[in-house]
Each structure stands twice: as structure tokens, then as C-alpha cells.
Amino acid sequence: MMKCGKAQCACASDPTKRHGPYFELTYKANGKTVNVKLSPEAAPLYRAAAQQYRKLKTLLNRLDKLSKTILRHQAELAESKRHH
């Protein structure tokens, strides 16, 4: 739901009078924010894709932390074997 920017329009002062709903995809590209208007039909597809992307990022972060932990333990084990 958006304001149109006209000072005389009811949307400027009353949130219930805003225009829309409009659907937008927002992302960063080359350090700039990009907004893409979506059709009402496309919005659920993009919403589902965004949820899957967030889920994937969460899993990749967990994998990264586990990998670092394993590498640290392997390095410690190799170090302790070298000293014996």
C-alpha cells in the first residue's frame, strides 16, 4: 500500500486510504537498490522464491560454521600428532 505523493490526496494522511496493493521485488545490484513492479499473479511466485532463497542462505551459513569447526579440530589434531 503506497502514498501517491499528492498533498491533497487522502492517502497522505490516512493509512487506510493508501493506493494498492502493489507488489514489488527489491534487491541490490552493483551497490544500488533495484525495485521491480510485479503483477498480482507473479507476486506469490516471487514470495515463494524469496522464502526458498532465505532458507538456502540459512543452510549455507550453518554449513560454513560446521566446516570451519571441523577444519579447526582437524588442524588441532594434526598439530597434536606432529608434536608426539
PDB file of N, CA and C in Angstrom:
ATOM      1  N   MET A   1       0.855  -1.171   0.000  1.00  0.00           N
ATOM      2  CA  MET A   1       0.000   0.000   0.000  1.00  0.00           C
ATOM      3  C   MET A   1       0.903   1.237   0.000  1.00  0.00           C
ATOM      4  N   MET A   2       0.605   2.168  -0.902  1.00  0.00           N
ATOM      5  CA  MET A   2       1.526   3.283  -1.089  1.00  0.00           C
ATOM      6  C   MET A   2       0.816   4.633  -1.088  1.00  0.00           C
ATOM      7  N   LYS A   3       1.594   5.660  -0.769  1.00  0.00           N
ATOM      8  CA  LYS A   3       1.149   7.040  -0.937  1.00  0.00           C
ATOM      9  C   LYS A   3       1.473   7.453  -2.367  1.00  0.00           C
ATOM     10  N   CYS A   4       0.615   8.281  -2.949  1.00  0.00           N
ATOM     11  CA  CYS A   4       0.854   8.717  -4.334  1.00  0.00           C
ATOM     12  C   CYS A   4       1.743   9.958  -4.396  1.00  0.00           C
ATOM     13  N   GLY A   5       1.871  10.664  -3.276  1.00  0.00           N
ATOM     14  CA  GLY A   5       2.730  11.836  -3.253  1.00  0.00           C
ATOM     15  C   GLY A   5       1.984  13.152  -3.425  1.00  0.00           C
ATOM     16  N   LYS A   6       0.687  13.108  -3.731  1.00  0.00           N
ATOM     17  CA  LYS A   6      -0.096  14.335  -3.875  1.00  0.00           C
ATOM     18  C   LYS A   6      -0.556  14.774  -2.491  1.00  0.00           C
ATOM     19  N   ALA A   7      -0.229  15.995  -2.126  1.00  0.00           N
ATOM     20  CA  ALA A   7      -0.542  16.512  -0.792  1.00  0.00           C
ATOM     21  C   ALA A   7      -2.038  16.530  -0.507  1.00  0.00           C
ATOM     22  N   GLN A   8      -2.869  16.742  -1.530  1.00  0.00           N
ATOM     23  CA  GLN A   8      -4.321  16.848  -1.332  1.00  0.00           C
ATOM     24  C   GLN A   8      -4.994  15.477  -1.243  1.00  0.00           C
ATOM     25  N   CYS A   9      -4.313  14.429  -1.643  1.00  0.00           N
ATOM     26  CA  CYS A   9      -4.908  13.087  -1.666  1.00  0.00           C
ATOM     27  C   CYS A   9      -5.078  12.559  -0.238  1.00  0.00           C
ATOM     28  N   ALA A  10      -6.151  11.836  -0.003  1.00  0.00           N
ATOM     29  CA  ALA A  10      -6.432  11.271   1.326  1.00  0.00           C
ATOM     30  C   ALA A  10      -5.332  10.316   1.777  1.00  0.00           C
ATOM     31  N   CYS A  11      -4.616   9.709   0.843  1.00  0.00           N
ATOM     32  CA  CYS A  11      -3.565   8.749   1.206  1.00  0.00           C
ATOM     33  C   CYS A  11      -2.427   9.400   1.979  1.00  0.00           C
ATOM     34  N   ALA A  12      -2.279  10.715   1.834  1.00  0.00           N
ATOM     35  CA  ALA A  12      -1.184  11.428   2.506  1.00  0.00           C
ATOM     36  C   ALA A  12      -1.335  11.417   4.023  1.00  0.00           C
ATOM     37  N   SER A  13      -2.590  11.415   4.515  1.00  0.00           N
ATOM     38  CA  SER A  13      -2.808  11.494   5.954  1.00  0.00           C
ATOM     39  C   SER A  13      -3.514  10.277   6.545  1.00  0.00           C
ATOM     40  N   ASP A  14      -4.155   9.467   5.715  1.00  0.00           N
ATOM     41  CA  ASP A  14      -4.921   8.321   6.215  1.00  0.00           C
ATOM     42  C   ASP A  14      -4.356   7.017   5.647  1.00  0.00           C
ATOM     43  N   PRO A  15      -3.692   6.225   6.489  1.00  0.00           N
ATOM     44  CA  PRO A  15      -3.106   4.966   6.013  1.00  0.00           C
ATOM     45  C   PRO A  15      -4.124   3.999   5.398  1.00  0.00           C
ATOM     46  N   THR A  16      -5.388   4.108   5.804  1.00  0.00           N
ATOM     47  CA  THR A  16      -6.403   3.210   5.234  1.00  0.00           C
ATOM     48  C   THR A  16      -6.810   3.624   3.820  1.00  0.00           C
ATOM     49  N   LYS A  17      -6.412   4.816   3.398  1.00  0.00           N
ATOM     50  CA  LYS A  17      -6.778   5.318   2.061  1.00  0.00           C
ATOM     51  C   LYS A  17      -5.621   5.189   1.065  1.00  0.00           C
ATOM     52  N   ARG A  18      -4.594   4.482   1.443  1.00  0.00           N
ATOM     53  CA  ARG A  18      -3.446   4.346   0.531  1.00  0.00           C
ATOM     54  C   ARG A  18      -3.828   3.531  -0.700  1.00  0.00           C
ATOM     55  N   HIS A  19      -3.041   3.680  -1.746  1.00  0.00           N
ATOM     56  CA  HIS A  19      -3.307   3.037  -3.036  1.00  0.00           C
ATOM     57  C   HIS A  19      -2.658   1.652  -3.081  1.00  0.00           C
ATOM     58  N   GLY A  20      -3.296   0.758  -3.792  1.00  0.00           N
ATOM     59  CA  GLY A  20      -2.717  -0.577  -3.943  1.00  0.00           C
ATOM     60  C   GLY A  20      -3.701  -1.649  -3.552  1.00  0.00           C
ATOM     61  N   PRO A  21      -3.273  -2.854  -3.319  1.00  0.00           N
ATOM     62  CA  PRO A  21      -1.875  -3.225  -3.102  1.00  0.00           C
ATOM     63  C   PRO A  21      -1.080  -3.324  -4.407  1.00  0.00           C
ATOM     64  N   TYR A  22       0.184  -2.924  -4.288  1.00  0.00           N
ATOM     65  CA  TYR A  22       1.147  -3.094  -5.376  1.00  0.00           C
ATOM     66  C   TYR A  22       2.212  -4.048  -4.876  1.00  0.00           C
ATOM     67  N   PHE A  23       2.763  -4.805  -5.775  1.00  0.00           N
ATOM     68  CA  PHE A  23       3.783  -5.780  -5.406  1.00  0.00           C
ATOM     69  C   PHE A  23       5.093  -5.397  -6.060  1.00  0.00           C
ATOM     70  N   GLU A  24       6.161  -5.390  -5.255  1.00  0.00           N
ATOM     71  CA  GLU A  24       7.484  -5.026  -5.754  1.00  0.00           C
ATOM     72  C   GLU A  24       8.524  -6.023  -5.268  1.00  0.00           C
ATOM     73  N   LEU A  25       9.495  -6.257  -6.120  1.00  0.00           N
ATOM     74  CA  LEU A  25      10.680  -7.022  -5.761  1.00  0.00           C
ATOM     75  C   LEU A  25      11.794  -6.000  -5.592  1.00  0.00           C
ATOM     76  N   THR A  26      12.479  -6.057  -4.471  1.00  0.00           N
ATOM     77  CA  THR A  26      13.583  -5.137  -4.204  1.00  0.00           C
ATOM     78  C   THR A  26      14.844  -5.940  -3.953  1.00  0.00           C
ATOM     79  N   TYR A  27      15.936  -5.562  -4.625  1.00  0.00           N
ATOM     80  CA  TYR A  27      17.215  -6.231  -4.423  1.00  0.00           C
ATOM     81  C   TYR A  27      18.345  -5.261  -4.736  1.00  0.00           C
ATOM     82  N   LYS A  28      19.558  -5.657  -4.360  1.00  0.00           N
ATOM     83  CA  LYS A  28      20.739  -4.828  -4.628  1.00  0.00           C
ATOM     84  C   LYS A  28      21.466  -5.379  -5.855  1.00  0.00           C
ATOM     85  N   ALA A  29      21.911  -4.482  -6.719  1.00  0.00           N
ATOM     86  CA  ALA A  29      22.722  -4.851  -7.879  1.00  0.00           C
ATOM     87  C   ALA A  29      23.782  -3.772  -8.055  1.00  0.00           C
ATOM     88  N   ASN A  30      25.042  -4.174  -8.031  1.00  0.00           N
ATOM     89  CA  ASN A  30      26.154  -3.226  -8.171  1.00  0.00           C
ATOM     90  C   ASN A  30      26.061  -2.086  -7.165  1.00  0.00           C
ATOM     91  N   GLY A  31      25.656  -2.429  -5.928  1.00  0.00           N
ATOM     92  CA  GLY A  31      25.593  -1.450  -4.865  1.00  0.00           C
ATOM     93  C   GLY A  31      24.388  -0.527  -4.911  1.00  0.00           C
ATOM     94  N   LYS A  32      23.469  -0.765  -5.841  1.00  0.00           N
ATOM     95  CA  LYS A  32      22.282   0.076  -5.953  1.00  0.00           C
ATOM     96  C   LYS A  32      21.027  -0.756  -5.698  1.00  0.00           C
ATOM     97  N   THR A  33      20.034  -0.125  -5.092  1.00  0.00           N
ATOM     98  CA  THR A  33      18.759  -0.793  -4.858  1.00  0.00           C
ATOM     99  C   THR A  33      17.934  -0.762  -6.135  1.00  0.00           C
ATOM    100  N   VAL A  34      17.395  -1.924  -6.495  1.00  0.00           N
ATOM    101  CA  VAL A  34      16.572  -2.053  -7.692  1.00  0.00           C
ATOM    102  C   VAL A  34      15.168  -2.468  -7.253  1.00  0.00           C
ATOM    103  N   ASN A  35      14.162  -1.773  -7.756  1.00  0.00           N
ATOM    104  CA  ASN A  35      12.763  -2.115  -7.485  1.00  0.00           C
ATOM    105  C   ASN A  35      12.117  -2.547  -8.796  1.00  0.00           C
ATOM    106  N   VAL A  36      11.443  -3.701  -8.763  1.00  0.00           N
ATOM    107  CA  VAL A  36      10.752  -4.207  -9.942  1.00  0.00           C
ATOM    108  C   VAL A  36       9.288  -4.404  -9.567  1.00  0.00           C
ATOM    109  N   LYS A  37       8.396  -3.759 -10.311  1.00  0.00           N
ATOM    110  CA  LYS A  37       6.971  -3.957 -10.057  1.00  0.00           C
ATOM    111  C   LYS A  37       6.566  -5.341 -10.559  1.00  0.00           C
ATOM    112  N   LEU A  38       5.750  -6.034  -9.758  1.00  0.00           N
ATOM    113  CA  LEU A  38       5.292  -7.379 -10.100  1.00  0.00           C
ATOM    114  C   LEU A  38       3.785  -7.372 -10.303  1.00  0.00           C
ATOM    115  N   SER A  39       3.314  -8.227 -11.173  1.00  0.00           N
ATOM    116  CA  SER A  39       1.870  -8.382 -11.323  1.00  0.00           C
ATOM    117  C   SER A  39       1.340  -9.132 -10.107  1.00  0.00           C
ATOM    118  N   PRO A  40       0.062  -8.968  -9.785  1.00  0.00           N
ATOM    119  CA  PRO A  40      -0.510  -9.725  -8.666  1.00  0.00           C
ATOM    120  C   PRO A  40      -0.358 -11.234  -8.848  1.00  0.00           C
ATOM    121  N   GLU A  41      -0.358 -11.687 -10.094  1.00  0.00           N
ATOM    122  CA  GLU A  41      -0.214 -13.122 -10.373  1.00  0.00           C
ATOM    123  C   GLU A  41       1.208 -13.609 -10.113  1.00  0.00           C
ATOM    124  N   ALA A  42       2.187 -12.747 -10.375  1.00  0.00           N
ATOM    125  CA  ALA A  42       3.591 -13.136 -10.207  1.00  0.00           C
ATOM    126  C   ALA A  42       4.058 -13.030  -8.758  1.00  0.00           C
ATOM    127  N   ALA A  43       3.408 -12.182  -7.971  1.00  0.00           N
ATOM    128  CA  ALA A  43       3.854 -11.930  -6.596  1.00  0.00           C
ATOM    129  C   ALA A  43       4.016 -13.201  -5.765  1.00  0.00           C
ATOM    130  N   PRO A  44       3.046 -14.150  -5.768  1.00  0.00           N
ATOM    131  CA  PRO A  44       3.226 -15.357  -4.949  1.00  0.00           C
ATOM    132  C   PRO A  44       4.430 -16.199  -5.381  1.00  0.00           C
ATOM    133  N   LEU A  45       4.729 -16.213  -6.672  1.00  0.00           N
ATOM    134  CA  LEU A  45       5.896 -16.962  -7.161  1.00  0.00           C
ATOM    135  C   LEU A  45       7.183 -16.365  -6.617  1.00  0.00           C
ATOM    136  N   TYR A  46       7.288 -15.041  -6.650  1.00  0.00           N
ATOM    137  CA  TYR A  46       8.476 -14.367  -6.135  1.00  0.00           C
ATOM    138  C   TYR A  46       8.570 -14.498  -4.616  1.00  0.00           C
ATOM    139  N   ARG A  47       7.415 -14.452  -3.929  1.00  0.00           N
ATOM    140  CA  ARG A  47       7.409 -14.617  -2.471  1.00  0.00           C
ATOM    141  C   ARG A  47       7.942 -16.004  -2.099  1.00  0.00           C
ATOM    142  N   ALA A  48       7.477 -17.039  -2.807  1.00  0.00           N
ATOM    143  CA  ALA A  48       7.940 -18.403  -2.538  1.00  0.00           C
ATOM    144  C   ALA A  48       9.429 -18.538  -2.855  1.00  0.00           C
ATOM    145  N   ALA A  49       9.871 -17.932  -3.951  1.00  0.00           N
ATOM    146  CA  ALA A  49      11.291 -17.994  -4.317  1.00  0.00           C
ATOM    147  C   ALA A  49      12.147 -17.292  -3.270  1.00  0.00           C
ATOM    148  N   ALA A  50      11.675 -16.177  -2.744  1.00  0.00           N
ATOM    149  CA  ALA A  50      12.426 -15.446  -1.721  1.00  0.00           C
ATOM    150  C   ALA A  50      12.531 -16.275  -0.443  1.00  0.00           C
ATOM    151  N   GLN A  51      11.451 -16.960  -0.072  1.00  0.00           N
ATOM    152  CA  GLN A  51      11.492 -17.819   1.117  1.00  0.00           C
ATOM    153  C   GLN A  51      12.494 -18.952   0.925  1.00  0.00           C
ATOM    154  N   GLN A  52      12.508 -19.552  -0.257  1.00  0.00           N
ATOM    155  CA  GLN A  52      13.463 -20.620  -0.540  1.00  0.00           C
ATOM    156  C   GLN A  52      14.896 -20.098  -0.508  1.00  0.00           C
ATOM    157  N   TYR A  53      15.111 -18.899  -1.029  1.00  0.00           N
ATOM    158  CA  TYR A  53      16.442 -18.297  -1.023  1.00  0.00           C
ATOM    159  C   TYR A  53      16.922 -18.055   0.406  1.00  0.00           C
ATOM    160  N   ARG A  54      16.031 -17.521   1.264  1.00  0.00           N
ATOM    161  CA  ARG A  54      16.401 -17.297   2.664  1.00  0.00           C
ATOM    162  C   ARG A  54      16.723 -18.619   3.362  1.00  0.00           C
ATOM    163  N   LYS A  55      15.957 -19.653   3.061  1.00  0.00           N
ATOM    164  CA  LYS A  55      16.199 -20.973   3.641  1.00  0.00           C
ATOM    165  C   LYS A  55      17.573 -21.500   3.197  1.00  0.00           C
ATOM    166  N   LEU A  56      17.878 -21.343   1.910  1.00  0.00           N
ATOM    167  CA  LEU A  56      19.168 -21.778   1.379  1.00  0.00           C
ATOM    168  C   LEU A  56      20.311 -21.019   2.042  1.00  0.00           C
ATOM    169  N   LYS A  57      20.175 -19.699   2.201  1.00  0.00           N
ATOM    170  CA  LYS A  57      21.223 -18.907   2.850  1.00  0.00           C
ATOM    171  C   LYS A  57      21.449 -19.371   4.284  1.00  0.00           C
ATOM    172  N   THR A  58      20.369 -19.690   4.991  1.00  0.00           N
ATOM    173  CA  THR A  58      20.482 -20.179   6.365  1.00  0.00           C
ATOM    174  C   THR A  58      21.256 -21.493   6.395  1.00  0.00           C
ATOM    175  N   LEU A  59      20.923 -22.400   5.492  1.00  0.00           N
ATOM    176  CA  LEU A  59      21.616 -23.691   5.428  1.00  0.00           C
ATOM    177  C   LEU A  59      23.088 -23.515   5.061  1.00  0.00           C
ATOM    178  N   LEU A  60      23.373 -22.622   4.123  1.00  0.00           N
ATOM    179  CA  LEU A  60      24.768 -22.384   3.732  1.00  0.00           C
ATOM    180  C   LEU A  60      25.567 -21.788   4.884  1.00  0.00           C
ATOM    181  N   ASN A  61      24.959 -20.896   5.667  1.00  0.00           N
ATOM    182  CA  ASN A  61      25.644 -20.329   6.833  1.00  0.00           C
ATOM    183  C   ASN A  61      25.938 -21.416   7.865  1.00  0.00           C
ATOM    184  N   ARG A  62      24.985 -22.316   8.078  1.00  0.00           N
ATOM    185  CA  ARG A  62      25.216 -23.424   9.015  1.00  0.00           C
ATOM    186  C   ARG A  62      26.341 -24.322   8.516  1.00  0.00           C
ATOM    187  N   LEU A  63      26.333 -24.620   7.214  1.00  0.00           N
ATOM    188  CA  LEU A  63      27.380 -25.455   6.629  1.00  0.00           C
ATOM    189  C   LEU A  63      28.746 -24.796   6.772  1.00  0.00           C
ATOM    190  N   ASP A  64      28.802 -23.497   6.552  1.00  0.00           N
ATOM    191  CA  ASP A  64      30.045 -22.746   6.683  1.00  0.00           C
ATOM    192  C   ASP A  64      30.591 -22.846   8.108  1.00  0.00           C
ATOM    193  N   LYS A  65      29.725 -22.643   9.110  1.00  0.00           N
ATOM    194  CA  LYS A  65      30.160 -22.720  10.509  1.00  0.00           C
ATOM    195  C   LYS A  65      30.636 -24.124  10.864  1.00  0.00           C
ATOM    196  N   LEU A  66      29.889 -25.144  10.410  1.00  0.00           N
ATOM    197  CA  LEU A  66      30.294 -26.529  10.681  1.00  0.00           C
ATOM    198  C   LEU A  66      31.634 -26.848  10.027  1.00  0.00           C
ATOM    199  N   SER A  67      31.812 -26.403   8.794  1.00  0.00           N
ATOM    200  CA  SER A  67      33.063 -26.653   8.075  1.00  0.00           C
ATOM    201  C   SER A  67      34.245 -26.028   8.802  1.00  0.00           C
ATOM    202  N   LYS A  68      34.069 -24.802   9.274  1.00  0.00           N
ATOM    203  CA  LYS A  68      35.154 -24.124   9.997  1.00  0.00           C
ATOM    204  C   LYS A  68      35.473 -24.848  11.301  1.00  0.00           C
ATOM    205  N   THR A  69      34.440 -25.319  11.988  1.00  0.00           N
ATOM    206  CA  THR A  69      34.647 -26.065  13.233  1.00  0.00           C
ATOM    207  C   THR A  69      35.415 -27.353  12.964  1.00  0.00           C
ATOM    208  N   ILE A  70      35.002 -28.071  11.940  1.00  0.00           N
ATOM    209  CA  ILE A  70      35.677 -29.331  11.590  1.00  0.00           C
ATOM    210  C   ILE A  70      37.126 -29.073  11.192  1.00  0.00           C
ATOM    211  N   LEU A  71      37.358 -28.075  10.374  1.00  0.00           N
ATOM    212  CA  LEU A  71      38.726 -27.747   9.956  1.00  0.00           C
ATOM    213  C   LEU A  71      39.594 -27.372  11.147  1.00  0.00           C
ATOM    214  N   ARG A  72      39.031 -26.593  12.071  1.00  0.00           N
ATOM    215  CA  ARG A  72      39.786 -26.203  13.261  1.00  0.00           C
ATOM    216  C   ARG A  72      40.166 -27.439  14.081  1.00  0.00           C
ATOM    217  N   HIS A  73      39.214 -28.350  14.264  1.00  0.00           N
ATOM    218  CA  HIS A  73      39.502 -29.571  15.026  1.00  0.00           C
ATOM    219  C   HIS A  73      40.524 -30.456  14.302  1.00  0.00           C
ATOM    220  N   GLN A  74      40.408 -30.554  12.984  1.00  0.00           N
ATOM    221  CA  GLN A  74      41.380 -31.353  12.226  1.00  0.00           C
ATOM    222  C   GLN A  74      42.771 -30.746  12.327  1.00  0.00           C
ATOM    223  N   ALA A  75      42.853 -29.417  12.282  1.00  0.00           N
ATOM    224  CA  ALA A  75      44.147 -28.748  12.398  1.00  0.00           C
ATOM    225  C   ALA A  75      44.750 -28.985  13.782  1.00  0.00           C
ATOM    226  N   GLU A  76      43.917 -28.920  14.806  1.00  0.00           N
ATOM    227  CA  GLU A  76      44.394 -29.177  16.170  1.00  0.00           C
ATOM    228  C   GLU A  76      44.870 -30.618  16.308  1.00  0.00           C
ATOM    229  N   LEU A  77      44.143 -31.550  15.721  1.00  0.00           N
ATOM    230  CA  LEU A  77      44.526 -32.962  15.768  1.00  0.00           C
ATOM    231  C   LEU A  77      45.859 -33.182  15.038  1.00  0.00           C
ATOM    232  N   ALA A  78      45.993 -32.571  13.863  1.00  0.00           N
ATOM    233  CA  ALA A  78      47.237 -32.702  13.104  1.00  0.00           C
ATOM    234  C   ALA A  78      48.405 -32.101  13.882  1.00  0.00           C
ATOM    235  N   GLU A  79      48.173 -30.982  14.534  1.00  0.00           N
ATOM    236  CA  GLU A  79      49.204 -30.314  15.323  1.00  0.00           C
ATOM    237  C   GLU A  79      49.632 -31.207  16.509  1.00  0.00           C
ATOM    238  N   SER A  80      48.630 -31.798  17.183  1.00  0.00           N
ATOM    239  CA  SER A  80      48.966 -32.637  18.338  1.00  0.00           C
ATOM    240  C   SER A  80      49.715 -33.905  17.910  1.00  0.00           C
ATOM    241  N   LYS A  81      49.399 -34.454  16.737  1.00  0.00           N
ATOM    242  CA  LYS A  81      50.104 -35.636  16.226  1.00  0.00           C
ATOM    243  C   LYS A  81      51.547 -35.287  15.859  1.00  0.00           C
ATOM    244  N   ARG A  82      51.744 -34.086  15.369  1.00  0.00           N
ATOM    245  CA  ARG A  82      53.083 -33.635  14.944  1.00  0.00           C
ATOM    246  C   ARG A  82      54.008 -33.514  16.150  1.00  0.00           C
ATOM    247  N   HIS A  83      53.441 -33.153  17.299  1.00  0.00           N
ATOM    248  CA  HIS A  83      54.251 -32.961  18.499  1.00  0.00           C
ATOM    249  C   HIS A  83      54.521 -34.276  19.224  1.00  0.00           C
ATOM    250  N   HIS A  84      53.881 -35.367  18.824  1.00  0.00           N
ATOM    251  CA  HIS A  84      54.110 -36.657  19.505  1.00  0.00           C
ATOM    252  C   HIS A  84      55.011 -37.538  18.735  1.00  0.00           C
TER     253      HIS A  84
END
